[in-house]
């Protein structure tokens, strides 16, 4: 989740694709907060290892546009 701003979804998508090359973009779901200030982006990936998940999570958390990653 991050502030609703230009480029947010694309930035998160790029991170996910770099950690899960077989990611299917058709699984992306986006939802704006009630006030429209925030945007949640949900991705479904097939993880191959715990290390892959940990690295993806860390990359998302380290990105300045990401407010929270679950």
Protein backbone atom coordinates (compact mmCIF):
# COMPACT_ATOMS: atom_id res chain seq x y z
CA UNK A 1 0.00 0.00 0.00
CA UNK A 2 1.17 3.49 -0.75
CA UNK A 3 -0.05 7.01 -1.34
CA UNK A 4 -2.13 7.29 -4.48
CA UNK A 5 0.35 8.94 -6.84
CA UNK A 6 1.53 8.62 -10.40
CA UNK A 7 3.92 5.74 -10.89
CA UNK A 8 3.19 3.90 -7.65
CA UNK A 9 1.58 0.80 -9.17
CA UNK A 10 4.25 0.64 -11.89
CA UNK A 11 7.05 0.88 -9.32
CA UNK A 12 5.59 -1.94 -7.25
CA UNK A 13 4.99 -4.02 -10.37
CA UNK A 14 8.64 -3.62 -11.38
CA UNK A 15 9.78 -4.85 -7.95
CA UNK A 16 7.49 -7.87 -8.08
CA UNK A 17 8.60 -8.76 -11.61
CA UNK A 18 12.26 -8.56 -10.62
CA UNK A 19 11.72 -11.09 -7.81
CA UNK A 20 9.11 -13.29 -9.51
CA UNK A 21 9.85 -13.37 -13.26
CA UNK A 22 6.97 -15.78 -13.95
CA UNK A 23 4.49 -13.38 -12.34
CA UNK A 24 1.13 -13.11 -14.16
CA UNK A 25 0.04 -9.46 -14.43
CA UNK A 26 -3.58 -10.64 -14.71
CA UNK A 27 -3.50 -11.31 -10.95
CA UNK A 28 -3.00 -7.63 -10.04
CA UNK A 29 -5.81 -6.08 -8.02
CA UNK A 30 -5.91 -2.40 -7.06
CA UNK A 31 -8.19 -0.68 -4.59
CA UNK A 32 -8.28 2.96 -3.50
CA UNK A 33 -8.94 3.91 0.09
CA UNK A 34 -12.28 5.45 0.97
CA UNK A 35 -10.86 8.98 0.73
CA UNK A 36 -8.69 8.17 -2.28
CA UNK A 37 -5.46 9.08 -0.48
CA UNK A 38 -4.01 5.55 -0.57
CA UNK A 39 -3.86 2.74 -3.10
CA UNK A 40 -3.48 -0.93 -2.26
CA UNK A 41 -1.98 -3.17 -4.91
CA UNK A 42 -2.33 -6.94 -4.53
CA UNK A 43 -0.18 -9.40 -6.46
CA UNK A 44 -0.36 -13.18 -6.54
CA UNK A 45 2.91 -15.00 -7.15
CA UNK A 46 4.07 -18.59 -6.95
CA UNK A 47 6.97 -18.44 -4.54
CA UNK A 48 9.78 -20.95 -4.94
CA UNK A 49 11.57 -20.30 -1.64
CA UNK A 50 11.37 -18.45 1.64
CA UNK A 51 14.42 -16.46 0.55
CA UNK A 52 12.53 -15.24 -2.53
CA UNK A 53 9.63 -14.03 -0.36
CA UNK A 54 11.94 -12.37 2.15
CA UNK A 55 13.84 -10.55 -0.61
CA UNK A 56 10.61 -9.40 -2.28
CA UNK A 57 9.19 -8.18 1.02
CA UNK A 58 12.40 -6.31 1.85
CA UNK A 59 12.53 -4.65 -1.58
CA UNK A 60 8.92 -3.50 -1.20
CA UNK A 61 9.51 -2.16 2.31
CA UNK A 62 12.66 -0.33 1.21
CA UNK A 63 10.92 1.51 -1.64
CA UNK A 64 10.11 5.12 -0.67
CA UNK A 65 6.64 5.04 -2.26
CA UNK A 66 5.53 1.99 -0.24
CA UNK A 67 3.85 2.83 3.07
CA UNK A 68 3.12 -0.76 4.12
CA UNK A 69 3.67 -4.28 2.77
CA UNK A 70 1.91 -7.39 3.97
